[in-house]
Amino acid sequence: MKQAEIKITVELDEKNVPENILWESTDAETQEKVPVKSMMLALWDHNYKNSMRIDLWTKDMPVDEMKRFFYETLQTMGDSFLKATGETLIVEDLRDYCAHFADKMGINTQG
C-alpha cells in the first residue's frame, strides 16, 4: 500500500495569529515547503457523523484574494460533490450561487 503525507506548518505571532502557513507533501514533485496565505481543511468523522474544520489565513491575506479564495473553494466543492454523488441539479444551483457570489463580491471570473 502506498502512503503519502501532507504536512502543514503554521507560524504564529505572539497573539497566536498566523504569520506564515507552509505546506509540503511527500507526493509532490518538489520537497520544498510551499507558502500559502489561506487554507481550509475539512474532515468527516464517520463515527460522530460531523465535520471537523480548520480555517486559517495569515494576517497579511488581502481581502480581495480572500474573496477569490472563497469563490474558487465553492466552485471546486461543487466539482467534488458532483464527482462524489452525481447530483447534477444541485450542483447547477451551486454554480448559479457562485456566479451570484462573484457578482456581489466584484470578482472577475474570466481570469
PDB file of N, CA and C in Angstrom:
ATOM      1  N   MET A   1       0.846  -1.175   0.000  1.00  0.00           N
ATOM      2  CA  MET A   1       0.000   0.000   0.000  1.00  0.00           C
ATOM      3  C   MET A   1       0.894   1.241   0.000  1.00  0.00           C
ATOM      4  N   LYS A   2       0.570   2.155  -0.876  1.00  0.00           N
ATOM      5  CA  LYS A   2       1.303   3.423  -0.951  1.00  0.00           C
ATOM      6  C   LYS A   2       0.782   4.379   0.112  1.00  0.00           C
ATOM      7  N   GLN A   3       1.677   5.177   0.651  1.00  0.00           N
ATOM      8  CA  GLN A   3       1.282   6.206   1.610  1.00  0.00           C
ATOM      9  C   GLN A   3       1.833   7.545   1.153  1.00  0.00           C
ATOM     10  N   ALA A   4       1.113   8.589   1.467  1.00  0.00           N
ATOM     11  CA  ALA A   4       1.579   9.956   1.232  1.00  0.00           C
ATOM     12  C   ALA A   4       1.292  10.745   2.504  1.00  0.00           C
ATOM     13  N   GLU A   5       2.147  11.699   2.772  1.00  0.00           N
ATOM     14  CA  GLU A   5       1.974  12.527   3.954  1.00  0.00           C
ATOM     15  C   GLU A   5       1.912  13.989   3.548  1.00  0.00           C
ATOM     16  N   ILE A   6       0.958  14.693   4.117  1.00  0.00           N
ATOM     17  CA  ILE A   6       0.831  16.130   3.918  1.00  0.00           C
ATOM     18  C   ILE A   6       1.129  16.788   5.253  1.00  0.00           C
ATOM     19  N   LYS A   7       2.020  17.742   5.221  1.00  0.00           N
ATOM     20  CA  LYS A   7       2.401  18.433   6.451  1.00  0.00           C
ATOM     21  C   LYS A   7       2.104  19.918   6.297  1.00  0.00           C
ATOM     22  N   ILE A   8       1.451  20.490   7.294  1.00  0.00           N
ATOM     23  CA  ILE A   8       1.136  21.911   7.313  1.00  0.00           C
ATOM     24  C   ILE A   8       1.820  22.515   8.533  1.00  0.00           C
ATOM     25  N   THR A   9       2.597  23.562   8.284  1.00  0.00           N
ATOM     26  CA  THR A   9       3.281  24.262   9.365  1.00  0.00           C
ATOM     27  C   THR A   9       2.697  25.659   9.455  1.00  0.00           C
ATOM     28  N   VAL A  10       2.259  26.048  10.644  1.00  0.00           N
ATOM     29  CA  VAL A  10       1.690  27.376  10.865  1.00  0.00           C
ATOM     30  C   VAL A  10       2.594  28.115  11.832  1.00  0.00           C
ATOM     31  N   GLU A  11       3.144  29.236  11.367  1.00  0.00           N
ATOM     32  CA  GLU A  11       3.983  30.079  12.217  1.00  0.00           C
ATOM     33  C   GLU A  11       3.105  31.196  12.775  1.00  0.00           C
ATOM     34  N   LEU A  12       3.069  31.299  14.114  1.00  0.00           N
ATOM     35  CA  LEU A  12       2.175  32.225  14.795  1.00  0.00           C
ATOM     36  C   LEU A  12       2.940  33.386  15.411  1.00  0.00           C
ATOM     37  N   ASP A  13       2.269  34.530  15.518  1.00  0.00           N
ATOM     38  CA  ASP A  13       2.867  35.653  16.239  1.00  0.00           C
ATOM     39  C   ASP A  13       2.591  35.478  17.735  1.00  0.00           C
ATOM     40  N   GLU A  14       2.949  36.476  18.520  1.00  0.00           N
ATOM     41  CA  GLU A  14       2.791  36.383  19.979  1.00  0.00           C
ATOM     42  C   GLU A  14       1.328  36.302  20.420  1.00  0.00           C
ATOM     43  N   LYS A  15       0.385  36.675  19.533  1.00  0.00           N
ATOM     44  CA  LYS A  15      -1.043  36.597  19.848  1.00  0.00           C
ATOM     45  C   LYS A  15      -1.704  35.370  19.202  1.00  0.00           C
ATOM     46  N   ASN A  16      -0.884  34.447  18.726  1.00  0.00           N
ATOM     47  CA  ASN A  16      -1.344  33.224  18.059  1.00  0.00           C
ATOM     48  C   ASN A  16      -2.084  33.480  16.751  1.00  0.00           C
ATOM     49  N   VAL A  17      -1.750  34.567  16.086  1.00  0.00           N
ATOM     50  CA  VAL A  17      -2.311  34.871  14.769  1.00  0.00           C
ATOM     51  C   VAL A  17      -1.319  34.354  13.720  1.00  0.00           C
ATOM     52  N   PRO A  18      -1.808  33.603  12.727  1.00  0.00           N
ATOM     53  CA  PRO A  18      -0.891  33.061  11.722  1.00  0.00           C
ATOM     54  C   PRO A  18      -0.144  34.156  10.952  1.00  0.00           C
ATOM     55  N   GLU A  19       1.170  34.037  10.926  1.00  0.00           N
ATOM     56  CA  GLU A  19       2.012  34.912  10.111  1.00  0.00           C
ATOM     57  C   GLU A  19       2.405  34.222   8.814  1.00  0.00           C
ATOM     58  N   ASN A  20       2.652  32.927   8.898  1.00  0.00           N
ATOM     59  CA  ASN A  20       3.033  32.139   7.726  1.00  0.00           C
ATOM     60  C   ASN A  20       2.381  30.772   7.815  1.00  0.00           C
ATOM     61  N   ILE A  21       1.948  30.293   6.646  1.00  0.00           N
ATOM     62  CA  ILE A  21       1.427  28.936   6.527  1.00  0.00           C
ATOM     63  C   ILE A  21       2.235  28.269   5.423  1.00  0.00           C
ATOM     64  N   LEU A  22       2.795  27.117   5.722  1.00  0.00           N
ATOM     65  CA  LEU A  22       3.614  26.376   4.765  1.00  0.00           C
ATOM     66  C   LEU A  22       3.057  24.960   4.661  1.00  0.00           C
ATOM     67  N   TRP A  23       3.032  24.429   3.450  1.00  0.00           N
ATOM     68  CA  TRP A  23       2.601  23.041   3.312  1.00  0.00           C
ATOM     69  C   TRP A  23       3.586  22.293   2.431  1.00  0.00           C
ATOM     70  N   GLU A  24       3.660  21.003   2.678  1.00  0.00           N
ATOM     71  CA  GLU A  24       4.534  20.137   1.897  1.00  0.00           C
ATOM     72  C   GLU A  24       3.893  18.761   1.824  1.00  0.00           C
ATOM     73  N   SER A  25       4.262  18.017   0.796  1.00  0.00           N
ATOM     74  CA  SER A  25       3.707  16.687   0.596  1.00  0.00           C
ATOM     75  C   SER A  25       4.797  15.741   0.123  1.00  0.00           C
ATOM     76  N   THR A  26       4.738  14.524   0.627  1.00  0.00           N
ATOM     77  CA  THR A  26       5.704  13.519   0.181  1.00  0.00           C
ATOM     78  C   THR A  26       5.436  13.103  -1.254  1.00  0.00           C
ATOM     79  N   ASP A  27       4.250  13.398  -1.781  1.00  0.00           N
ATOM     80  CA  ASP A  27       3.887  13.054  -3.154  1.00  0.00           C
ATOM     81  C   ASP A  27       4.163  14.178  -4.154  1.00  0.00           C
ATOM     82  N   ALA A  28       4.581  15.337  -3.663  1.00  0.00           N
ATOM     83  CA  ALA A  28       4.802  16.488  -4.544  1.00  0.00           C
ATOM     84  C   ALA A  28       6.062  16.293  -5.385  1.00  0.00           C
ATOM     85  N   GLU A  29       6.098  16.996  -6.506  1.00  0.00           N
ATOM     86  CA  GLU A  29       7.282  16.938  -7.364  1.00  0.00           C
ATOM     87  C   GLU A  29       8.503  17.518  -6.670  1.00  0.00           C
ATOM     88  N   THR A  30       8.286  18.518  -5.842  1.00  0.00           N
ATOM     89  CA  THR A  30       9.367  19.129  -5.085  1.00  0.00           C
ATOM     90  C   THR A  30       9.146  18.870  -3.599  1.00  0.00           C
ATOM     91  N   GLN A  31      10.193  18.765  -2.853  1.00  0.00           N
ATOM     92  CA  GLN A  31      10.074  18.524  -1.422  1.00  0.00           C
ATOM     93  C   GLN A  31      10.149  19.822  -0.625  1.00  0.00           C
ATOM     94  N   GLU A  32      10.052  20.950  -1.317  1.00  0.00           N
ATOM     95  CA  GLU A  32      10.120  22.250  -0.650  1.00  0.00           C
ATOM     96  C   GLU A  32       8.806  22.566   0.057  1.00  0.00           C
ATOM     97  N   LYS A  33       8.902  23.354   1.117  1.00  0.00           N
ATOM     98  CA  LYS A  33       7.713  23.870   1.777  1.00  0.00           C
ATOM     99  C   LYS A  33       7.157  24.994   0.917  1.00  0.00           C
ATOM    100  N   VAL A  34       5.863  24.967   0.668  1.00  0.00           N
ATOM    101  CA  VAL A  34       5.219  25.954  -0.187  1.00  0.00           C
ATOM    102  C   VAL A  34       4.437  26.926   0.689  1.00  0.00           C
ATOM    103  N   PRO A  35       4.739  28.230   0.593  1.00  0.00           N
ATOM    104  CA  PRO A  35       3.992  29.201   1.393  1.00  0.00           C
ATOM    105  C   PRO A  35       2.614  29.475   0.789  1.00  0.00           C
ATOM    106  N   VAL A  36       1.608  29.592   1.653  1.00  0.00           N
ATOM    107  CA  VAL A  36       0.254  29.950   1.245  1.00  0.00           C
ATOM    108  C   VAL A  36      -0.271  31.007   2.205  1.00  0.00           C
ATOM    109  N   LYS A  37      -1.288  31.728   1.790  1.00  0.00           N
ATOM    110  CA  LYS A  37      -1.868  32.783   2.623  1.00  0.00           C
ATOM    111  C   LYS A  37      -3.129  32.341   3.352  1.00  0.00           C
ATOM    112  N   SER A  38      -3.767  31.270   2.875  1.00  0.00           N
ATOM    113  CA  SER A  38      -5.004  30.830   3.488  1.00  0.00           C
ATOM    114  C   SER A  38      -5.195  29.347   3.237  1.00  0.00           C
ATOM    115  N   MET A  39      -5.936  28.694   4.129  1.00  0.00           N
ATOM    116  CA  MET A  39      -6.231  27.271   3.960  1.00  0.00           C
ATOM    117  C   MET A  39      -7.562  26.936   4.613  1.00  0.00           C
ATOM    118  N   MET A  40      -8.207  25.930   4.066  1.00  0.00           N
ATOM    119  CA  MET A  40      -9.411  25.359   4.660  1.00  0.00           C
ATOM    120  C   MET A  40      -9.230  23.855   4.615  1.00  0.00           C
ATOM    121  N   LEU A  41      -9.392  23.238   5.747  1.00  0.00           N
ATOM    122  CA  LEU A  41      -9.276  21.792   5.834  1.00  0.00           C
ATOM    123  C   LEU A  41     -10.561  21.273   6.458  1.00  0.00           C
ATOM    124  N   ALA A  42     -11.214  20.368   5.760  1.00  0.00           N
ATOM    125  CA  ALA A  42     -12.448  19.777   6.279  1.00  0.00           C
ATOM    126  C   ALA A  42     -12.287  18.263   6.283  1.00  0.00           C
ATOM    127  N   LEU A  43     -12.617  17.666   7.411  1.00  0.00           N
ATOM    128  CA  LEU A  43     -12.533  16.217   7.572  1.00  0.00           C
ATOM    129  C   LEU A  43     -13.883  15.702   8.063  1.00  0.00           C
ATOM    130  N   TRP A  44     -14.266  14.516   7.592  1.00  0.00           N
ATOM    131  CA  TRP A  44     -15.529  13.924   8.016  1.00  0.00           C
ATOM    132  C   TRP A  44     -15.250  12.835   9.036  1.00  0.00           C
ATOM    133  N   ASP A  45     -15.836  12.965  10.213  1.00  0.00           N
ATOM    134  CA  ASP A  45     -15.726  11.955  11.263  1.00  0.00           C
ATOM    135  C   ASP A  45     -16.945  11.052  11.151  1.00  0.00           C
ATOM    136  N   HIS A  46     -16.759   9.874  10.577  1.00  0.00           N
ATOM    137  CA  HIS A  46     -17.900   8.982  10.353  1.00  0.00           C
ATOM    138  C   HIS A  46     -18.447   8.387  11.641  1.00  0.00           C
ATOM    139  N   ASN A  47     -17.641   8.346  12.709  1.00  0.00           N
ATOM    140  CA  ASN A  47     -18.145   7.821  13.984  1.00  0.00           C
ATOM    141  C   ASN A  47     -19.135   8.778  14.630  1.00  0.00           C
ATOM    142  N   TYR A  48     -18.841  10.068  14.577  1.00  0.00           N
ATOM    143  CA  TYR A  48     -19.716  11.072  15.190  1.00  0.00           C
ATOM    144  C   TYR A  48     -20.636  11.754  14.177  1.00  0.00           C
ATOM    145  N   LYS A  49     -20.457  11.433  12.901  1.00  0.00           N
ATOM    146  CA  LYS A  49     -21.290  11.990  11.824  1.00  0.00           C
ATOM    147  C   LYS A  49     -21.261  13.517  11.814  1.00  0.00           C
ATOM    148  N   ASN A  50     -20.026  14.062  11.869  1.00  0.00           N
ATOM    149  CA  ASN A  50     -19.895  15.524  11.783  1.00  0.00           C
ATOM    150  C   ASN A  50     -18.565  15.897  11.140  1.00  0.00           C
ATOM    151  N   SER A  51     -18.496  17.158  10.772  1.00  0.00           N
ATOM    152  CA  SER A  51     -17.293  17.692  10.135  1.00  0.00           C
ATOM    153  C   SER A  51     -16.372  18.294  11.178  1.00  0.00           C
ATOM    154  N   MET A  52     -15.107  18.172  10.902  1.00  0.00           N
ATOM    155  CA  MET A  52     -14.088  18.856  11.693  1.00  0.00           C
ATOM    156  C   MET A  52     -13.383  19.783  10.709  1.00  0.00           C
ATOM    157  N   ARG A  53     -13.207  21.033  11.095  1.00  0.00           N
ATOM    158  CA  ARG A  53     -12.667  22.021  10.162  1.00  0.00           C
ATOM    159  C   ARG A  53     -11.560  22.838  10.804  1.00  0.00           C
ATOM    160  N   ILE A  54     -10.636  23.225   9.951  1.00  0.00           N
ATOM    161  CA  ILE A  54      -9.624  24.202  10.325  1.00  0.00           C
ATOM    162  C   ILE A  54      -9.587  25.223   9.192  1.00  0.00           C
ATOM    163  N   ASP A  55      -9.893  26.460   9.498  1.00  0.00           N
ATOM    164  CA  ASP A  55      -9.825  27.563   8.537  1.00  0.00           C
ATOM    165  C   ASP A  55      -8.800  28.558   9.079  1.00  0.00           C
ATOM    166  N   LEU A  56      -7.741  28.773   8.333  1.00  0.00           N
ATOM    167  CA  LEU A  56      -6.702  29.698   8.763  1.00  0.00           C
ATOM    168  C   LEU A  56      -6.308  30.607   7.610  1.00  0.00           C
ATOM    169  N   TRP A  57      -5.911  31.823   7.954  1.00  0.00           N
ATOM    170  CA  TRP A  57      -5.349  32.741   6.976  1.00  0.00           C
ATOM    171  C   TRP A  57      -4.338  33.618   7.694  1.00  0.00           C
ATOM    172  N   THR A  58      -3.348  34.047   6.937  1.00  0.00           N
ATOM    173  CA  THR A  58      -2.322  34.894   7.528  1.00  0.00           C
ATOM    174  C   THR A  58      -2.860  36.306   7.693  1.00  0.00           C
ATOM    175  N   LYS A  59      -2.243  37.035   8.616  1.00  0.00           N
ATOM    176  CA  LYS A  59      -2.738  38.386   8.890  1.00  0.00           C
ATOM    177  C   LYS A  59      -2.531  39.338   7.719  1.00  0.00           C
ATOM    178  N   ASP A  60      -1.694  38.957   6.758  1.00  0.00           N
ATOM    179  CA  ASP A  60      -1.494  39.821   5.595  1.00  0.00           C
ATOM    180  C   ASP A  60      -2.223  39.306   4.346  1.00  0.00           C
ATOM    181  N   MET A  61      -3.198  38.405   4.546  1.00  0.00           N
ATOM    182  CA  MET A  61      -4.006  37.916   3.425  1.00  0.00           C
ATOM    183  C   MET A  61      -4.884  39.055   2.932  1.00  0.00           C
ATOM    184  N   PRO A  62      -4.724  39.473   1.675  1.00  0.00           N
ATOM    185  CA  PRO A  62      -5.550  40.564   1.151  1.00  0.00           C
ATOM    186  C   PRO A  62      -7.028  40.158   1.033  1.00  0.00           C
ATOM    187  N   VAL A  63      -7.910  41.085   1.336  1.00  0.00           N
ATOM    188  CA  VAL A  63      -9.345  40.805   1.305  1.00  0.00           C
ATOM    189  C   VAL A  63      -9.791  40.383  -0.085  1.00  0.00           C
ATOM    190  N   ASP A  64      -9.283  41.027  -1.141  1.00  0.00           N
ATOM    191  CA  ASP A  64      -9.695  40.653  -2.492  1.00  0.00           C
ATOM    192  C   ASP A  64      -9.272  39.222  -2.820  1.00  0.00           C
ATOM    193  N   GLU A  65      -8.120  38.792  -2.310  1.00  0.00           N
ATOM    194  CA  GLU A  65      -7.683  37.416  -2.529  1.00  0.00           C
ATOM    195  C   GLU A  65      -8.522  36.443  -1.699  1.00  0.00           C
ATOM    196  N   MET A  66      -8.946  36.858  -0.506  1.00  0.00           N
ATOM    197  CA  MET A  66      -9.814  36.010   0.318  1.00  0.00           C
ATOM    198  C   MET A  66     -11.153  35.797  -0.380  1.00  0.00           C
ATOM    199  N   LYS A  67     -11.701  36.839  -0.976  1.00  0.00           N
ATOM    200  CA  LYS A  67     -12.948  36.703  -1.730  1.00  0.00           C
ATOM    201  C   LYS A  67     -12.775  35.710  -2.867  1.00  0.00           C
ATOM    202  N   ARG A  68     -11.672  35.832  -3.595  1.00  0.00           N
ATOM    203  CA  ARG A  68     -11.391  34.914  -4.705  1.00  0.00           C
ATOM    204  C   ARG A  68     -11.203  33.484  -4.196  1.00  0.00           C
ATOM    205  N   PHE A  69     -10.512  33.346  -3.070  1.00  0.00           N
ATOM    206  CA  PHE A  69     -10.287  32.033  -2.471  1.00  0.00           C
ATOM    207  C   PHE A  69     -11.620  31.365  -2.127  1.00  0.00           C
ATOM    208  N   PHE A  70     -12.538  32.110  -1.518  1.00  0.00           N
ATOM    209  CA  PHE A  70     -13.850  31.550  -1.187  1.00  0.00           C
ATOM    210  C   PHE A  70     -14.610  31.169  -2.452  1.00  0.00           C
ATOM    211  N   TYR A  71     -14.582  32.043  -3.459  1.00  0.00           N
ATOM    212  CA  TYR A  71     -15.264  31.753  -4.718  1.00  0.00           C
ATOM    213  C   TYR A  71     -14.737  30.456  -5.334  1.00  0.00           C
ATOM    214  N   GLU A  72     -13.420  30.346  -5.426  1.00  0.00           N
ATOM    215  CA  GLU A  72     -12.835  29.148  -6.039  1.00  0.00           C
ATOM    216  C   GLU A  72     -13.087  27.904  -5.193  1.00  0.00           C
ATOM    217  N   THR A  73     -13.109  28.053  -3.877  1.00  0.00           N
ATOM    218  CA  THR A  73     -13.391  26.921  -2.997  1.00  0.00           C
ATOM    219  C   THR A  73     -14.822  26.437  -3.200  1.00  0.00           C
ATOM    220  N   LEU A  74     -15.764  27.371  -3.294  1.00  0.00           N
ATOM    221  CA  LEU A  74     -17.152  26.987  -3.558  1.00  0.00           C
ATOM    222  C   LEU A  74     -17.275  26.259  -4.897  1.00  0.00           C
ATOM    223  N   GLN A  75     -16.587  26.778  -5.913  1.00  0.00           N
ATOM    224  CA  GLN A  75     -16.631  26.147  -7.236  1.00  0.00           C
ATOM    225  C   GLN A  75     -16.084  24.717  -7.177  1.00  0.00           C
ATOM    226  N   THR A  76     -14.938  24.552  -6.539  1.00  0.00           N
ATOM    227  CA  THR A  76     -14.332  23.215  -6.504  1.00  0.00           C
ATOM    228  C   THR A  76     -15.099  22.269  -5.581  1.00  0.00           C
ATOM    229  N   MET A  77     -15.794  22.818  -4.572  1.00  0.00           N
ATOM    230  CA  MET A  77     -16.664  21.973  -3.759  1.00  0.00           C
ATOM    231  C   MET A  77     -17.788  21.411  -4.630  1.00  0.00           C
ATOM    232  N   GLY A  78     -18.283  22.210  -5.556  1.00  0.00           N
ATOM    233  CA  GLY A  78     -19.291  21.730  -6.497  1.00  0.00           C
ATOM    234  C   GLY A  78     -18.739  20.606  -7.361  1.00  0.00           C
ATOM    235  N   ASP A  79     -17.511  20.769  -7.851  1.00  0.00           N
ATOM    236  CA  ASP A  79     -16.877  19.712  -8.649  1.00  0.00           C
ATOM    237  C   ASP A  79     -16.772  18.421  -7.851  1.00  0.00           C
ATOM    238  N   SER A  80     -16.309  18.548  -6.613  1.00  0.00           N
ATOM    239  CA  SER A  80     -16.137  17.371  -5.753  1.00  0.00           C
ATOM    240  C   SER A  80     -17.473  16.707  -5.445  1.00  0.00           C
ATOM    241  N   PHE A  81     -18.482  17.537  -5.139  1.00  0.00           N
ATOM    242  CA  PHE A  81     -19.799  16.997  -4.816  1.00  0.00           C
ATOM    243  C   PHE A  81     -20.382  16.251  -6.011  1.00  0.00           C
ATOM    244  N   LEU A  82     -20.236  16.824  -7.206  1.00  0.00           N
ATOM    245  CA  LEU A  82     -20.727  16.169  -8.412  1.00  0.00           C
ATOM    246  C   LEU A  82     -20.028  14.836  -8.626  1.00  0.00           C
ATOM    247  N   LYS A  83     -18.727  14.830  -8.479  1.00  0.00           N
ATOM    248  CA  LYS A  83     -17.944  13.604  -8.662  1.00  0.00           C
ATOM    249  C   LYS A  83     -18.332  12.541  -7.630  1.00  0.00           C
ATOM    250  N   ALA A  84     -18.568  12.969  -6.394  1.00  0.00           N
ATOM    251  CA  ALA A  84     -18.875  12.027  -5.316  1.00  0.00           C
ATOM    252  C   ALA A  84     -20.303  11.506  -5.355  1.00  0.00           C
ATOM    253  N   THR A  85     -21.257  12.333  -5.817  1.00  0.00           N
ATOM    254  CA  THR A  85     -22.672  11.959  -5.712  1.00  0.00           C
ATOM    255  C   THR A  85     -23.411  11.857  -7.038  1.00  0.00           C
ATOM    256  N   GLY A  86     -22.910  12.527  -8.071  1.00  0.00           N
ATOM    257  CA  GLY A  86     -23.619  12.552  -9.343  1.00  0.00           C
ATOM    258  C   GLY A  86     -24.837  13.461  -9.343  1.00  0.00           C
ATOM    259  N   GLU A  87     -25.005  14.264  -8.310  1.00  0.00           N
ATOM    260  CA  GLU A  87     -26.171  15.145  -8.155  1.00  0.00           C
ATOM    261  C   GLU A  87     -25.998  16.408  -9.003  1.00  0.00           C
ATOM    262  N   THR A  88     -26.376  16.329 -10.280  1.00  0.00           N
ATOM    263  CA  THR A  88     -26.137  17.436 -11.204  1.00  0.00           C
ATOM    264  C   THR A  88     -27.028  18.649 -10.930  1.00  0.00           C
ATOM    265  N   LEU A  89     -28.277  18.439 -10.555  1.00  0.00           N
ATOM    266  CA  LEU A  89     -29.202  19.566 -10.391  1.00  0.00           C
ATOM    267  C   LEU A  89     -28.761  20.495  -9.264  1.00  0.00           C
ATOM    268  N   ILE A  90     -28.380  19.952  -8.128  1.00  0.00           N
ATOM    269  CA  ILE A  90     -27.979  20.813  -7.017  1.00  0.00           C
ATOM    270  C   ILE A  90     -26.635  21.474  -7.315  1.00  0.00           C
ATOM    271  N   VAL A  91     -25.788  20.813  -8.067  1.00  0.00           N
ATOM    272  CA  VAL A  91     -24.507  21.421  -8.441  1.00  0.00           C
ATOM    273  C   VAL A  91     -24.746  22.593  -9.394  1.00  0.00           C
ATOM    274  N   GLU A  92     -25.734  22.475 -10.262  1.00  0.00           N
ATOM    275  CA  GLU A  92     -26.096  23.612 -11.114  1.00  0.00           C
ATOM    276  C   GLU A  92     -26.561  24.782 -10.251  1.00  0.00           C
ATOM    277  N   ASP A  93     -27.338  24.502  -9.204  1.00  0.00           N
ATOM    278  CA  ASP A  93     -27.768  25.553  -8.276  1.00  0.00           C
ATOM    279  C   ASP A  93     -26.568  26.185  -7.577  1.00  0.00           C
ATOM    280  N   LEU A  94     -25.620  25.362  -7.176  1.00  0.00           N
ATOM    281  CA  LEU A  94     -24.413  25.890  -6.534  1.00  0.00           C
ATOM    282  C   LEU A  94     -23.622  26.762  -7.506  1.00  0.00           C
ATOM    283  N   ARG A  95     -23.528  26.346  -8.747  1.00  0.00           N
ATOM    284  CA  ARG A  95     -22.836  27.153  -9.758  1.00  0.00           C
ATOM    285  C   ARG A  95     -23.538  28.509  -9.927  1.00  0.00           C
ATOM    286  N   ASP A  96     -24.878  28.482  -9.935  1.00  0.00           N
ATOM    287  CA  ASP A  96     -25.632  29.738 -10.016  1.00  0.00           C
ATOM    288  C   ASP A  96     -25.300  30.629  -8.828  1.00  0.00           C
ATOM    289  N   TYR A  97     -25.257  30.039  -7.626  1.00  0.00           N
ATOM    290  CA  TYR A  97     -24.908  30.822  -6.451  1.00  0.00           C
ATOM    291  C   TYR A  97     -23.484  31.365  -6.561  1.00  0.00           C
ATOM    292  N   CYS A  98     -22.566  30.566  -7.068  1.00  0.00           N
ATOM    293  CA  CYS A  98     -21.178  31.025  -7.231  1.00  0.00           C
ATOM    294  C   CYS A  98     -21.112  32.239  -8.152  1.00  0.00           C
ATOM    295  N   ALA A  99     -21.895  32.226  -9.223  1.00  0.00           N
ATOM    296  CA  ALA A  99     -21.941  33.375 -10.128  1.00  0.00           C
ATOM    297  C   ALA A  99     -22.497  34.591  -9.389  1.00  0.00           C
ATOM    298  N   HIS A 100     -23.526  34.396  -8.584  1.00  0.00           N
ATOM    299  CA  HIS A 100     -24.097  35.475  -7.780  1.00  0.00           C
ATOM    300  C   HIS A 100     -23.064  35.994  -6.779  1.00  0.00           C
ATOM    301  N   PHE A 101     -22.371  35.095  -6.098  1.00  0.00           N
ATOM    302  CA  PHE A 101     -21.332  35.456  -5.136  1.00  0.00           C
ATOM    303  C   PHE A 101     -20.249  36.295  -5.819  1.00  0.00           C
ATOM    304  N   ALA A 102     -19.787  35.826  -6.980  1.00  0.00           N
ATOM    305  CA  ALA A 102     -18.739  36.547  -7.720  1.00  0.00           C
ATOM    306  C   ALA A 102     -19.215  37.947  -8.100  1.00  0.00           C
ATOM    307  N   ASP A 103     -20.448  38.043  -8.549  1.00  0.00           N
ATOM    308  CA  ASP A 103     -21.016  39.332  -8.924  1.00  0.00           C
ATOM    309  C   ASP A 103     -21.067  40.273  -7.715  1.00  0.00           C
ATOM    310  N   LYS A 104     -21.593  39.792  -6.605  1.00  0.00           N
ATOM    311  CA  LYS A 104     -21.721  40.622  -5.395  1.00  0.00           C
ATOM    312  C   LYS A 104     -20.360  41.014  -4.823  1.00  0.00           C
ATOM    313  N   MET A 105     -19.355  40.175  -4.975  1.00  0.00           N
ATOM    314  CA  MET A 105     -18.029  40.445  -4.430  1.00  0.00           C
ATOM    315  C   MET A 105     -17.114  41.167  -5.431  1.00  0.00           C
ATOM    316  N   GLY A 106     -17.614  41.382  -6.644  1.00  0.00           N
ATOM    317  CA  GLY A 106     -16.811  42.061  -7.657  1.00  0.00           C
ATOM    318  C   GLY A 106     -15.635  41.245  -8.133  1.00  0.00           C
ATOM    319  N   ILE A 107     -15.813  39.934  -8.210  1.00  0.00           N
ATOM    320  CA  ILE A 107     -14.741  39.026  -8.620  1.00  0.00           C
ATOM    321  C   ILE A 107     -14.792  38.832 -10.126  1.00  0.00           C
ATOM    322  N   ASN A 108     -13.683  39.051 -10.778  1.00  0.00           N
ATOM    323  CA  ASN A 108     -13.577  38.802 -12.212  1.00  0.00           C
ATOM    324  C   ASN A 108     -13.331  37.312 -12.407  1.00  0.00           C
ATOM    325  N   THR A 109     -14.303  36.621 -12.980  1.00  0.00           N
ATOM    326  CA  THR A 109     -14.192  35.178 -13.146  1.00  0.00           C
ATOM    327  C   THR A 109     -13.598  34.789 -14.498  1.00  0.00           C
ATOM    328  N   GLN A 110     -13.183  35.764 -15.266  1.00  0.00           N
ATOM    329  CA  GLN A 110     -12.632  35.486 -16.598  1.00  0.00           C
ATOM    330  C   GLN A 110     -11.127  35.245 -16.594  1.00  0.00           C
ATOM    331  N   GLY A 111     -10.479  35.357 -15.444  1.00  0.00           N
ATOM    332  CA  GLY A 111      -9.031  35.163 -15.493  1.00  0.00           C
ATOM    333  C   GLY A 111      -8.368  35.040 -14.196  1.00  0.00           C
TER     334      GLY A 111
END
